Amino acid sequence: MTKAGFVSLIGRPNAGKSTLMNSLLGEKIAMVSQKANATRRRSNAIVMVEDTQIIFVDTPGLHEREKVLNQFMMDEALKAMGDCDLIIYLAPVSDSVEHYQKFLKLNKKRLNIL
């Protein structure tokens, strides 16, 4: 019996989400750049482990919504959070804890947790 699960890679721009996905796949599937916002749409990659499928979802970085493109990218990331079985939040070691706290609040609103 085959099992499957979705894992969303979430974090701020340039946190290493696409790099992690490429590393897990052992191939360069996701575009990686030193410039922020290289990933503009969700992309899926399937990893097979015996009879289990893990579908990794690479997402655009979480950031403030200002321009229409930024709103679209933020919506892509939020949809991936709602559609997954597991969220992996990535952050550079130099990041403030404040960004993670914003993510937790955002996730609580998304999931309607009190």
PDB file of N, CA and C in Angstrom:
ATOM      1  N   MET A   1       0.845  -1.183   0.000  1.00  0.00           N
ATOM      2  CA  MET A   1       0.000   0.000   0.000  1.00  0.00           C
ATOM      3  C   MET A   1       0.891   1.247   0.000  1.00  0.00           C
ATOM      4  N   THR A   2       0.716   2.103  -0.985  1.00  0.00           N
ATOM      5  CA  THR A   2       1.516   3.316  -1.099  1.00  0.00           C
ATOM      6  C   THR A   2       0.980   4.391  -0.162  1.00  0.00           C
ATOM      7  N   LYS A   3       1.903   5.099   0.473  1.00  0.00           N
ATOM      8  CA  LYS A   3       1.550   6.218   1.351  1.00  0.00           C
ATOM      9  C   LYS A   3       2.134   7.475   0.736  1.00  0.00           C
ATOM     10  N   ALA A   4       1.485   8.613   0.999  1.00  0.00           N
ATOM     11  CA  ALA A   4       1.976   9.878   0.475  1.00  0.00           C
ATOM     12  C   ALA A   4       1.717  10.995   1.473  1.00  0.00           C
ATOM     13  N   GLY A   5       2.577  12.009   1.449  1.00  0.00           N
ATOM     14  CA  GLY A   5       2.410  13.158   2.323  1.00  0.00           C
ATOM     15  C   GLY A   5       3.053  14.382   1.706  1.00  0.00           C
ATOM     16  N   PHE A   6       2.490  15.540   2.016  1.00  0.00           N
ATOM     17  CA  PHE A   6       2.996  16.805   1.507  1.00  0.00           C
ATOM     18  C   PHE A   6       3.782  17.522   2.598  1.00  0.00           C
ATOM     19  N   VAL A   7       4.959  18.034   2.233  1.00  0.00           N
ATOM     20  CA  VAL A   7       5.827  18.783   3.145  1.00  0.00           C
ATOM     21  C   VAL A   7       6.100  20.143   2.505  1.00  0.00           C
ATOM     22  N   SER A   8       5.620  21.212   3.136  1.00  0.00           N
ATOM     23  CA  SER A   8       5.838  22.563   2.610  1.00  0.00           C
ATOM     24  C   SER A   8       7.081  23.170   3.229  1.00  0.00           C
ATOM     25  N   LEU A   9       7.941  23.714   2.376  1.00  0.00           N
ATOM     26  CA  LEU A   9       9.139  24.424   2.817  1.00  0.00           C
ATOM     27  C   LEU A   9       8.787  25.901   2.852  1.00  0.00           C
ATOM     28  N   ILE A  10       8.751  26.461   4.047  1.00  0.00           N
ATOM     29  CA  ILE A  10       8.287  27.827   4.279  1.00  0.00           C
ATOM     30  C   ILE A  10       9.402  28.622   4.944  1.00  0.00           C
ATOM     31  N   GLY A  11       9.461  29.910   4.646  1.00  0.00           N
ATOM     32  CA  GLY A  11      10.435  30.793   5.274  1.00  0.00           C
ATOM     33  C   GLY A  11      10.507  32.109   4.541  1.00  0.00           C
ATOM     34  N   ARG A  12      11.335  33.001   5.060  1.00  0.00           N
ATOM     35  CA  ARG A  12      11.518  34.308   4.416  1.00  0.00           C
ATOM     36  C   ARG A  12      12.312  34.153   3.121  1.00  0.00           C
ATOM     37  N   PRO A  13      12.326  35.169   2.271  1.00  0.00           N
ATOM     38  CA  PRO A  13      13.127  35.095   1.050  1.00  0.00           C
ATOM     39  C   PRO A  13      14.599  34.807   1.362  1.00  0.00           C
ATOM     40  N   ASN A  14      15.220  33.988   0.534  1.00  0.00           N
ATOM     41  CA  ASN A  14      16.633  33.614   0.658  1.00  0.00           C
ATOM     42  C   ASN A  14      16.959  32.865   1.953  1.00  0.00           C
ATOM     43  N   ALA A  15      15.994  32.136   2.475  1.00  0.00           N
ATOM     44  CA  ALA A  15      16.234  31.345   3.689  1.00  0.00           C
ATOM     45  C   ALA A  15      16.869  29.996   3.369  1.00  0.00           C
ATOM     46  N   GLY A  16      16.824  29.570   2.101  1.00  0.00           N
ATOM     47  CA  GLY A  16      17.417  28.305   1.703  1.00  0.00           C
ATOM     48  C   GLY A  16      16.408  27.219   1.365  1.00  0.00           C
ATOM     49  N   LYS A  17      15.160  27.603   1.119  1.00  0.00           N
ATOM     50  CA  LYS A  17      14.110  26.625   0.828  1.00  0.00           C
ATOM     51  C   LYS A  17      14.402  25.834  -0.450  1.00  0.00           C
ATOM     52  N   SER A  18      14.729  26.536  -1.526  1.00  0.00           N
ATOM     53  CA  SER A  18      15.020  25.865  -2.797  1.00  0.00           C
ATOM     54  C   SER A  18      16.314  25.061  -2.708  1.00  0.00           C
ATOM     55  N   THR A  19      17.287  25.585  -2.004  1.00  0.00           N
ATOM     56  CA  THR A  19      18.552  24.867  -1.822  1.00  0.00           C
ATOM     57  C   THR A  19      18.327  23.568  -1.058  1.00  0.00           C
ATOM     58  N   LEU A  20      17.493  23.612  -0.014  1.00  0.00           N
ATOM     59  CA  LEU A  20      17.183  22.404   0.749  1.00  0.00           C
ATOM     60  C   LEU A  20      16.469  21.390  -0.143  1.00  0.00           C
ATOM     61  N   MET A  21      15.501  21.852  -0.934  1.00  0.00           N
ATOM     62  CA  MET A  21      14.781  20.922  -1.792  1.00  0.00           C
ATOM     63  C   MET A  21      15.735  20.277  -2.800  1.00  0.00           C
ATOM     64  N   ASN A  22      16.604  21.052  -3.413  1.00  0.00           N
ATOM     65  CA  ASN A  22      17.587  20.492  -4.344  1.00  0.00           C
ATOM     66  C   ASN A  22      18.477  19.468  -3.659  1.00  0.00           C
ATOM     67  N   SER A  23      18.862  19.745  -2.435  1.00  0.00           N
ATOM     68  CA  SER A  23      19.720  18.830  -1.677  1.00  0.00           C
ATOM     69  C   SER A  23      18.988  17.526  -1.360  1.00  0.00           C
ATOM     70  N   LEU A  24      17.734  17.629  -0.957  1.00  0.00           N
ATOM     71  CA  LEU A  24      16.941  16.438  -0.632  1.00  0.00           C
ATOM     72  C   LEU A  24      16.715  15.572  -1.870  1.00  0.00           C
ATOM     73  N   LEU A  25      16.576  16.219  -3.030  1.00  0.00           N
ATOM     74  CA  LEU A  25      16.346  15.492  -4.275  1.00  0.00           C
ATOM     75  C   LEU A  25      17.638  14.958  -4.884  1.00  0.00           C
ATOM     76  N   GLY A  26      18.748  15.568  -4.526  1.00  0.00           N
ATOM     77  CA  GLY A  26      20.023  15.178  -5.116  1.00  0.00           C
ATOM     78  C   GLY A  26      20.171  15.687  -6.541  1.00  0.00           C
ATOM     79  N   GLU A  27      19.347  16.649  -6.928  1.00  0.00           N
ATOM     80  CA  GLU A  27      19.381  17.247  -8.262  1.00  0.00           C
ATOM     81  C   GLU A  27      19.005  18.717  -8.160  1.00  0.00           C
ATOM     82  N   LYS A  28      19.448  19.477  -9.140  1.00  0.00           N
ATOM     83  CA  LYS A  28      19.095  20.897  -9.180  1.00  0.00           C
ATOM     84  C   LYS A  28      17.789  21.076  -9.941  1.00  0.00           C
ATOM     85  N   ILE A  29      16.698  20.991  -9.218  1.00  0.00           N
ATOM     86  CA  ILE A  29      15.361  21.128  -9.797  1.00  0.00           C
ATOM     87  C   ILE A  29      14.855  22.561  -9.615  1.00  0.00           C
ATOM     88  N   ALA A  30      14.995  23.095  -8.397  1.00  0.00           N
ATOM     89  CA  ALA A  30      14.505  24.442  -8.084  1.00  0.00           C
ATOM     90  C   ALA A  30      15.587  25.472  -8.380  1.00  0.00           C
ATOM     91  N   MET A  31      15.169  26.617  -8.922  1.00  0.00           N
ATOM     92  CA  MET A  31      16.102  27.693  -9.221  1.00  0.00           C
ATOM     93  C   MET A  31      16.601  28.313  -7.922  1.00  0.00           C
ATOM     94  N   VAL A  32      17.915  28.550  -7.850  1.00  0.00           N
ATOM     95  CA  VAL A  32      18.542  29.152  -6.670  1.00  0.00           C
ATOM     96  C   VAL A  32      19.272  30.404  -7.120  1.00  0.00           C
ATOM     97  N   SER A  33      19.113  31.491  -6.373  1.00  0.00           N
ATOM     98  CA  SER A  33      19.766  32.748  -6.706  1.00  0.00           C
ATOM     99  C   SER A  33      20.125  33.488  -5.431  1.00  0.00           C
ATOM    100  N   GLN A  34      21.144  34.338  -5.521  1.00  0.00           N
ATOM    101  CA  GLN A  34      21.479  35.171  -4.363  1.00  0.00           C
ATOM    102  C   GLN A  34      20.480  36.317  -4.216  1.00  0.00           C
ATOM    103  N   LYS A  35      19.770  36.614  -5.280  1.00  0.00           N
ATOM    104  CA  LYS A  35      18.750  37.659  -5.227  1.00  0.00           C
ATOM    105  C   LYS A  35      17.483  37.101  -4.600  1.00  0.00           C
ATOM    106  N   ALA A  36      16.813  37.930  -3.830  1.00  0.00           N
ATOM    107  CA  ALA A  36      15.572  37.511  -3.178  1.00  0.00           C
ATOM    108  C   ALA A  36      14.454  37.308  -4.210  1.00  0.00           C
ATOM    109  N   ASN A  37      13.515  36.471  -3.863  1.00  0.00           N
ATOM    110  CA  ASN A  37      12.302  36.207  -4.647  1.00  0.00           C
ATOM    111  C   ASN A  37      12.570  35.511  -5.977  1.00  0.00           C
ATOM    112  N   ALA A  38      13.531  34.601  -6.012  1.00  0.00           N
ATOM    113  CA  ALA A  38      13.768  33.798  -7.221  1.00  0.00           C
ATOM    114  C   ALA A  38      12.606  32.840  -7.448  1.00  0.00           C
ATOM    115  N   THR A  39      12.037  32.314  -6.366  1.00  0.00           N
ATOM    116  CA  THR A  39      10.884  31.413  -6.459  1.00  0.00           C
ATOM    117  C   THR A  39       9.624  32.262  -6.409  1.00  0.00           C
ATOM    118  N   ARG A  40       8.840  32.181  -7.472  1.00  0.00           N
ATOM    119  CA  ARG A  40       7.626  33.006  -7.534  1.00  0.00           C
ATOM    120  C   ARG A  40       6.352  32.185  -7.495  1.00  0.00           C
ATOM    121  N   ARG A  41       6.459  30.890  -7.746  1.00  0.00           N
ATOM    122  CA  ARG A  41       5.300  29.989  -7.707  1.00  0.00           C
ATOM    123  C   ARG A  41       5.681  28.762  -6.907  1.00  0.00           C
ATOM    124  N   ARG A  42       4.664  28.106  -6.381  1.00  0.00           N
ATOM    125  CA  ARG A  42       4.923  26.831  -5.709  1.00  0.00           C
ATOM    126  C   ARG A  42       5.410  25.822  -6.725  1.00  0.00           C
ATOM    127  N   SER A  43       6.334  24.973  -6.313  1.00  0.00           N
ATOM    128  CA  SER A  43       6.745  23.872  -7.175  1.00  0.00           C
ATOM    129  C   SER A  43       6.829  22.608  -6.329  1.00  0.00           C
ATOM    130  N   ASN A  44       6.426  21.505  -6.912  1.00  0.00           N
ATOM    131  CA  ASN A  44       6.404  20.222  -6.211  1.00  0.00           C
ATOM    132  C   ASN A  44       7.503  19.317  -6.731  1.00  0.00           C
ATOM    133  N   ALA A  45       8.046  18.517  -5.827  1.00  0.00           N
ATOM    134  CA  ALA A  45       9.033  17.498  -6.195  1.00  0.00           C
ATOM    135  C   ALA A  45       8.735  16.260  -5.368  1.00  0.00           C
ATOM    136  N   ILE A  46       8.698  15.113  -6.017  1.00  0.00           N
ATOM    137  CA  ILE A  46       8.338  13.863  -5.341  1.00  0.00           C
ATOM    138  C   ILE A  46       9.591  13.050  -5.057  1.00  0.00           C
ATOM    139  N   VAL A  47       9.715  12.615  -3.807  1.00  0.00           N
ATOM    140  CA  VAL A  47      10.801  11.728  -3.401  1.00  0.00           C
ATOM    141  C   VAL A  47      10.168  10.395  -3.009  1.00  0.00           C
ATOM    142  N   MET A  48      10.636   9.329  -3.621  1.00  0.00           N
ATOM    143  CA  MET A  48      10.122   7.985  -3.314  1.00  0.00           C
ATOM    144  C   MET A  48      11.070   7.299  -2.333  1.00  0.00           C
ATOM    145  N   VAL A  49      10.504   6.749  -1.277  1.00  0.00           N
ATOM    146  CA  VAL A  49      11.239   5.939  -0.318  1.00  0.00           C
ATOM    147  C   VAL A  49      10.439   4.650  -0.161  1.00  0.00           C
ATOM    148  N   GLU A  50      10.908   3.597  -0.831  1.00  0.00           N
ATOM    149  CA  GLU A  50      10.194   2.314  -0.907  1.00  0.00           C
ATOM    150  C   GLU A  50       8.781   2.562  -1.424  1.00  0.00           C
ATOM    151  N   ASP A  51       7.750   2.301  -0.616  1.00  0.00           N
ATOM    152  CA  ASP A  51       6.373   2.498  -1.091  1.00  0.00           C
ATOM    153  C   ASP A  51       5.752   3.793  -0.540  1.00  0.00           C
ATOM    154  N   THR A  52       6.610   4.755  -0.195  1.00  0.00           N
ATOM    155  CA  THR A  52       6.141   6.015   0.358  1.00  0.00           C
ATOM    156  C   THR A  52       6.568   7.178  -0.532  1.00  0.00           C
ATOM    157  N   GLN A  53       5.632   8.074  -0.806  1.00  0.00           N
ATOM    158  CA  GLN A  53       5.927   9.283  -1.567  1.00  0.00           C
ATOM    159  C   GLN A  53       5.930  10.478  -0.629  1.00  0.00           C
ATOM    160  N   ILE A  54       6.995  11.271  -0.715  1.00  0.00           N
ATOM    161  CA  ILE A  54       7.033  12.542   0.008  1.00  0.00           C
ATOM    162  C   ILE A  54       7.042  13.624  -1.062  1.00  0.00           C
ATOM    163  N   ILE A  55       6.024  14.460  -1.042  1.00  0.00           N
ATOM    164  CA  ILE A  55       5.929  15.543  -2.015  1.00  0.00           C
ATOM    165  C   ILE A  55       6.367  16.819  -1.317  1.00  0.00           C
ATOM    166  N   PHE A  56       7.549  17.310  -1.704  1.00  0.00           N
ATOM    167  CA  PHE A  56       8.069  18.555  -1.153  1.00  0.00           C
ATOM    168  C   PHE A  56       7.532  19.710  -1.979  1.00  0.00           C
ATOM    169  N   VAL A  57       7.076  20.752  -1.283  1.00  0.00           N
ATOM    170  CA  VAL A  57       6.521  21.931  -1.945  1.00  0.00           C
ATOM    171  C   VAL A  57       7.421  23.116  -1.627  1.00  0.00           C
ATOM    172  N   ASP A  58       8.138  23.585  -2.645  1.00  0.00           N
ATOM    173  CA  ASP A  58       8.978  24.770  -2.506  1.00  0.00           C
ATOM    174  C   ASP A  58       8.085  25.992  -2.695  1.00  0.00           C
ATOM    175  N   THR A  59       8.224  26.980  -1.829  1.00  0.00           N
ATOM    176  CA  THR A  59       7.319  28.130  -1.854  1.00  0.00           C
ATOM    177  C   THR A  59       8.096  29.441  -1.967  1.00  0.00           C
ATOM    178  N   PRO A  60       7.423  30.488  -2.447  1.00  0.00           N
ATOM    179  CA  PRO A  60       8.033  31.822  -2.394  1.00  0.00           C
ATOM    180  C   PRO A  60       8.235  32.230  -0.935  1.00  0.00           C
ATOM    181  N   GLY A  61       9.153  33.152  -0.706  1.00  0.00           N
ATOM    182  CA  GLY A  61       9.430  33.601   0.660  1.00  0.00           C
ATOM    183  C   GLY A  61       8.291  34.400   1.263  1.00  0.00           C
ATOM    184  N   LEU A  62       8.137  34.276   2.565  1.00  0.00           N
ATOM    185  CA  LEU A  62       7.138  35.054   3.301  1.00  0.00           C
ATOM    186  C   LEU A  62       7.676  36.471   3.480  1.00  0.00           C
ATOM    187  N   HIS A  63       6.926  37.450   3.061  1.00  0.00           N
ATOM    188  CA  HIS A  63       7.330  38.844   3.183  1.00  0.00           C
ATOM    189  C   HIS A  63       6.098  39.737   3.179  1.00  0.00           C
ATOM    190  N   GLU A  64       6.320  40.996   3.442  1.00  0.00           N
ATOM    191  CA  GLU A  64       5.208  41.943   3.496  1.00  0.00           C
ATOM    192  C   GLU A  64       4.558  42.059   2.117  1.00  0.00           C
ATOM    193  N   ARG A  65       3.246  42.161   2.104  1.00  0.00           N
ATOM    194  CA  ARG A  65       2.493  42.297   0.847  1.00  0.00           C
ATOM    195  C   ARG A  65       2.391  43.774   0.482  1.00  0.00           C
ATOM    196  N   GLU A  66       3.023  44.142  -0.604  1.00  0.00           N
ATOM    197  CA  GLU A  66       2.924  45.527  -1.064  1.00  0.00           C
ATOM    198  C   GLU A  66       2.444  45.558  -2.506  1.00  0.00           C
ATOM    199  N   LYS A  67       3.230  45.018  -3.400  1.00  0.00           N
ATOM    200  CA  LYS A  67       2.900  45.031  -4.819  1.00  0.00           C
ATOM    201  C   LYS A  67       2.056  43.811  -5.167  1.00  0.00           C
ATOM    202  N   VAL A  68       1.419  43.846  -6.322  1.00  0.00           N
ATOM    203  CA  VAL A  68       0.544  42.759  -6.745  1.00  0.00           C
ATOM    204  C   VAL A  68       1.323  41.445  -6.848  1.00  0.00           C
ATOM    205  N   LEU A  69       2.534  41.488  -7.411  1.00  0.00           N
ATOM    206  CA  LEU A  69       3.348  40.270  -7.521  1.00  0.00           C
ATOM    207  C   LEU A  69       3.671  39.710  -6.140  1.00  0.00           C
ATOM    208  N   ASN A  70       4.007  40.587  -5.193  1.00  0.00           N
ATOM    209  CA  ASN A  70       4.297  40.142  -3.826  1.00  0.00           C
ATOM    210  C   ASN A  70       3.070  39.512  -3.183  1.00  0.00           C
ATOM    211  N   GLN A  71       1.897  40.071  -3.432  1.00  0.00           N
ATOM    212  CA  GLN A  71       0.658  39.503  -2.896  1.00  0.00           C
ATOM    213  C   GLN A  71       0.437  38.107  -3.460  1.00  0.00           C
ATOM    214  N   PHE A  72       0.663  37.943  -4.773  1.00  0.00           N
ATOM    215  CA  PHE A  72       0.505  36.641  -5.415  1.00  0.00           C
ATOM    216  C   PHE A  72       1.465  35.624  -4.796  1.00  0.00           C
ATOM    217  N   MET A  73       2.726  36.018  -4.618  1.00  0.00           N
ATOM    218  CA  MET A  73       3.729  35.101  -4.062  1.00  0.00           C
ATOM    219  C   MET A  73       3.388  34.734  -2.621  1.00  0.00           C
ATOM    220  N   MET A  74       2.931  35.691  -1.850  1.00  0.00           N
ATOM    221  CA  MET A  74       2.538  35.423  -0.460  1.00  0.00           C
ATOM    222  C   MET A  74       1.344  34.468  -0.434  1.00  0.00           C
ATOM    223  N   ASP A  75       0.388  34.664  -1.322  1.00  0.00           N
ATOM    224  CA  ASP A  75      -0.773  33.771  -1.397  1.00  0.00           C
ATOM    225  C   ASP A  75      -0.349  32.347  -1.749  1.00  0.00           C
ATOM    226  N   GLU A  76       0.643  32.200  -2.644  1.00  0.00           N
ATOM    227  CA  GLU A  76       1.162  30.881  -3.002  1.00  0.00           C
ATOM    228  C   GLU A  76       1.717  30.170  -1.763  1.00  0.00           C
ATOM    229  N   ALA A  77       2.483  30.899  -0.956  1.00  0.00           N
ATOM    230  CA  ALA A  77       3.062  30.316   0.252  1.00  0.00           C
ATOM    231  C   ALA A  77       1.971  29.948   1.265  1.00  0.00           C
ATOM    232  N   LEU A  78       0.988  30.811   1.423  1.00  0.00           N
ATOM    233  CA  LEU A  78      -0.097  30.540   2.374  1.00  0.00           C
ATOM    234  C   LEU A  78      -0.932  29.334   1.951  1.00  0.00           C
ATOM    235  N   LYS A  79      -1.185  29.199   0.650  1.00  0.00           N
ATOM    236  CA  LYS A  79      -1.931  28.035   0.157  1.00  0.00           C
ATOM    237  C   LYS A  79      -1.157  26.748   0.439  1.00  0.00           C
ATOM    238  N   ALA A  80       0.144  26.793   0.252  1.00  0.00           N
ATOM    239  CA  ALA A  80       0.973  25.610   0.506  1.00  0.00           C
ATOM    240  C   ALA A  80       0.917  25.217   1.978  1.00  0.00           C
ATOM    241  N   MET A  81       0.834  26.204   2.860  1.00  0.00           N
ATOM    242  CA  MET A  81       0.728  25.909   4.292  1.00  0.00           C
ATOM    243  C   MET A  81      -0.577  25.193   4.598  1.00  0.00           C
ATOM    244  N   GLY A  82      -1.650  25.599   3.935  1.00  0.00           N
ATOM    245  CA  GLY A  82      -2.957  25.001   4.186  1.00  0.00           C
ATOM    246  C   GLY A  82      -3.130  23.633   3.575  1.00  0.00           C
ATOM    247  N   ASP A  83      -2.347  23.333   2.549  1.00  0.00           N
ATOM    248  CA  ASP A  83      -2.518  22.081   1.807  1.00  0.00           C
ATOM    249  C   ASP A  83      -1.550  20.976   2.226  1.00  0.00           C
ATOM    250  N   CYS A  84      -0.753  21.199   3.251  1.00  0.00           N
ATOM    251  CA  CYS A  84       0.306  20.222   3.549  1.00  0.00           C
ATOM    252  C   CYS A  84       0.032  19.424   4.824  1.00  0.00           C
ATOM    253  N   ASP A  85       0.825  18.367   4.981  1.00  0.00           N
ATOM    254  CA  ASP A  85       0.770  17.540   6.185  1.00  0.00           C
ATOM    255  C   ASP A  85       1.820  17.973   7.209  1.00  0.00           C
ATOM    256  N   LEU A  86       2.884  18.612   6.708  1.00  0.00           N
ATOM    257  CA  LEU A  86       3.991  19.030   7.567  1.00  0.00           C
ATOM    258  C   LEU A  86       4.579  20.317   7.014  1.00  0.00           C
ATOM    259  N   ILE A  87       4.891  21.266   7.885  1.00  0.00           N
ATOM    260  CA  ILE A  87       5.540  22.511   7.487  1.00  0.00           C
ATOM    261  C   ILE A  87       6.956  22.500   8.050  1.00  0.00           C
ATOM    262  N   ILE A  88       7.916  22.768   7.175  1.00  0.00           N
ATOM    263  CA  ILE A  88       9.300  22.976   7.624  1.00  0.00           C
ATOM    264  C   ILE A  88       9.581  24.464   7.440  1.00  0.00           C
ATOM    265  N   TYR A  89       9.836  25.152   8.553  1.00  0.00           N
ATOM    266  CA  TYR A  89      10.137  26.581   8.514  1.00  0.00           C
ATOM    267  C   TYR A  89      11.646  26.743   8.514  1.00  0.00           C
ATOM    268  N   LEU A  90      12.164  27.399   7.474  1.00  0.00           N
ATOM    269  CA  LEU A  90      13.600  27.639   7.363  1.00  0.00           C
ATOM    270  C   LEU A  90      13.905  29.097   7.640  1.00  0.00           C
ATOM    271  N   ALA A  91      15.015  29.327   8.362  1.00  0.00           N
ATOM    272  CA  ALA A  91      15.448  30.692   8.649  1.00  0.00           C
ATOM    273  C   ALA A  91      16.970  30.709   8.765  1.00  0.00           C
ATOM    274  N   PRO A  92      17.590  31.769   8.261  1.00  0.00           N
ATOM    275  CA  PRO A  92      19.026  31.900   8.474  1.00  0.00           C
ATOM    276  C   PRO A  92      19.327  32.047   9.966  1.00  0.00           C
ATOM    277  N   VAL A  93      20.475  31.564  10.372  1.00  0.00           N
ATOM    278  CA  VAL A  93      20.841  31.628  11.787  1.00  0.00           C
ATOM    279  C   VAL A  93      20.933  33.078  12.265  1.00  0.00           C
ATOM    280  N   SER A  94      21.169  33.997  11.348  1.00  0.00           N
ATOM    281  CA  SER A  94      21.290  35.412  11.707  1.00  0.00           C
ATOM    282  C   SER A  94      19.942  36.111  11.844  1.00  0.00           C
ATOM    283  N   ASP A  95      18.858  35.437  11.482  1.00  0.00           N
ATOM    284  CA  ASP A  95      17.517  36.028  11.553  1.00  0.00           C
ATOM    285  C   ASP A  95      17.076  36.249  12.991  1.00  0.00           C
ATOM    286  N   SER A  96      16.293  37.275  13.168  1.00  0.00           N
ATOM    287  CA  SER A  96      15.691  37.562  14.464  1.00  0.00           C
ATOM    288  C   SER A  96      14.559  36.572  14.742  1.00  0.00           C
ATOM    289  N   VAL A  97      14.331  36.282  16.006  1.00  0.00           N
ATOM    290  CA  VAL A  97      13.227  35.404  16.404  1.00  0.00           C
ATOM    291  C   VAL A  97      11.891  36.058  16.064  1.00  0.00           C
ATOM    292  N   GLU A  98      11.912  37.364  15.913  1.00  0.00           N
ATOM    293  CA  GLU A  98      10.700  38.117  15.589  1.00  0.00           C
ATOM    294  C   GLU A  98      10.036  37.602  14.307  1.00  0.00           C
ATOM    295  N   HIS A  99      10.830  37.226  13.312  1.00  0.00           N
ATOM    296  CA  HIS A  99      10.267  36.718  12.058  1.00  0.00           C
ATOM    297  C   HIS A  99       9.545  35.389  12.280  1.00  0.00           C
ATOM    298  N   TYR A 100      10.103  34.542  13.123  1.00  0.00           N
ATOM    299  CA  TYR A 100       9.460  33.260  13.425  1.00  0.00           C
ATOM    300  C   TYR A 100       8.166  33.491  14.196  1.00  0.00           C
ATOM    301  N   GLN A 101       8.171  34.446  15.100  1.00  0.00           N
ATOM    302  CA  GLN A 101       6.958  34.758  15.853  1.00  0.00           C
ATOM    303  C   GLN A 101       5.858  35.266  14.922  1.00  0.00           C
ATOM    304  N   LYS A 102       6.220  36.079  13.924  1.00  0.00           N
ATOM    305  CA  LYS A 102       5.232  36.542  12.934  1.00  0.00           C
ATOM    306  C   LYS A 102       4.663  35.356  12.164  1.00  0.00           C
ATOM    307  N   PHE A 103       5.551  34.413  11.806  1.00  0.00           N
ATOM    308  CA  PHE A 103       5.103  33.216  11.087  1.00  0.00           C
ATOM    309  C   PHE A 103       4.114  32.426  11.935  1.00  0.00           C
ATOM    310  N   LEU A 104       4.402  32.248  13.226  1.00  0.00           N
ATOM    311  CA  LEU A 104       3.496  31.501  14.102  1.00  0.00           C
ATOM    312  C   LEU A 104       2.133  32.178  14.187  1.00  0.00           C
ATOM    313  N   LYS A 105       2.113  33.502  14.289  1.00  0.00           N
ATOM    314  CA  LYS A 105       0.847  34.236  14.331  1.00  0.00           C
ATOM    315  C   LYS A 105       0.094  34.078  13.015  1.00  0.00           C
ATOM    316  N   LEU A 106       0.820  34.158  11.913  1.00  0.00           N
ATOM    317  CA  LEU A 106       0.218  33.981  10.596  1.00  0.00           C
ATOM    318  C   LEU A 106      -0.384  32.591  10.467  1.00  0.00           C
ATOM    319  N   ASN A 107       0.323  31.590  10.937  1.00  0.00           N
ATOM    320  CA  ASN A 107      -0.138  30.212  10.864  1.00  0.00           C
ATOM    321  C   ASN A 107      -1.357  30.001  11.767  1.00  0.00           C
ATOM    322  N   LYS A 108      -1.379  30.621  12.941  1.00  0.00           N
ATOM    323  CA  LYS A 108      -2.536  30.503  13.832  1.00  0.00           C
ATOM    324  C   LYS A 108      -3.780  31.075  13.162  1.00  0.00           C
ATOM    325  N   LYS A 109      -3.643  32.238  12.526  1.00  0.00           N
ATOM    326  CA  LYS A 109      -4.778  32.841  11.825  1.00  0.00           C
ATOM    327  C   LYS A 109      -5.251  31.943  10.697  1.00  0.00           C
ATOM    328  N   ARG A 110      -4.308  31.376   9.981  1.00  0.00           N
ATOM    329  CA  ARG A 110      -4.621  30.513   8.826  1.00  0.00           C
ATOM    330  C   ARG A 110      -5.379  29.265   9.264  1.00  0.00           C
ATOM    331  N   LEU A 111      -4.980  28.701  10.401  1.00  0.00           N
ATOM    332  CA  LEU A 111      -5.587  27.449  10.870  1.00  0.00           C
ATOM    333  C   LEU A 111      -6.709  27.668  11.877  1.00  0.00           C
ATOM    334  N   ASN A 112      -6.987  28.949  12.200  1.00  0.00           N
ATOM    335  CA  ASN A 112      -8.030  29.300  13.180  1.00  0.00           C
ATOM    336  C   ASN A 112      -7.781  28.650  14.531  1.00  0.00           C
ATOM    337  N   ILE A 113      -6.526  28.719  15.001  1.00  0.00           N
ATOM    338  CA  ILE A 113      -6.177  28.168  16.312  1.00  0.00           C
ATOM    339  C   ILE A 113      -6.308  29.296  17.331  1.00  0.00           C
ATOM    340  N   LEU A 114      -6.894  28.988  18.443  1.00  0.00           N
ATOM    341  CA  LEU A 114      -7.052  30.012  19.499  1.00  0.00           C
ATOM    342  C   LEU A 114      -5.869  30.029  20.432  1.00  0.00           C
TER     343      LEU A 114
END
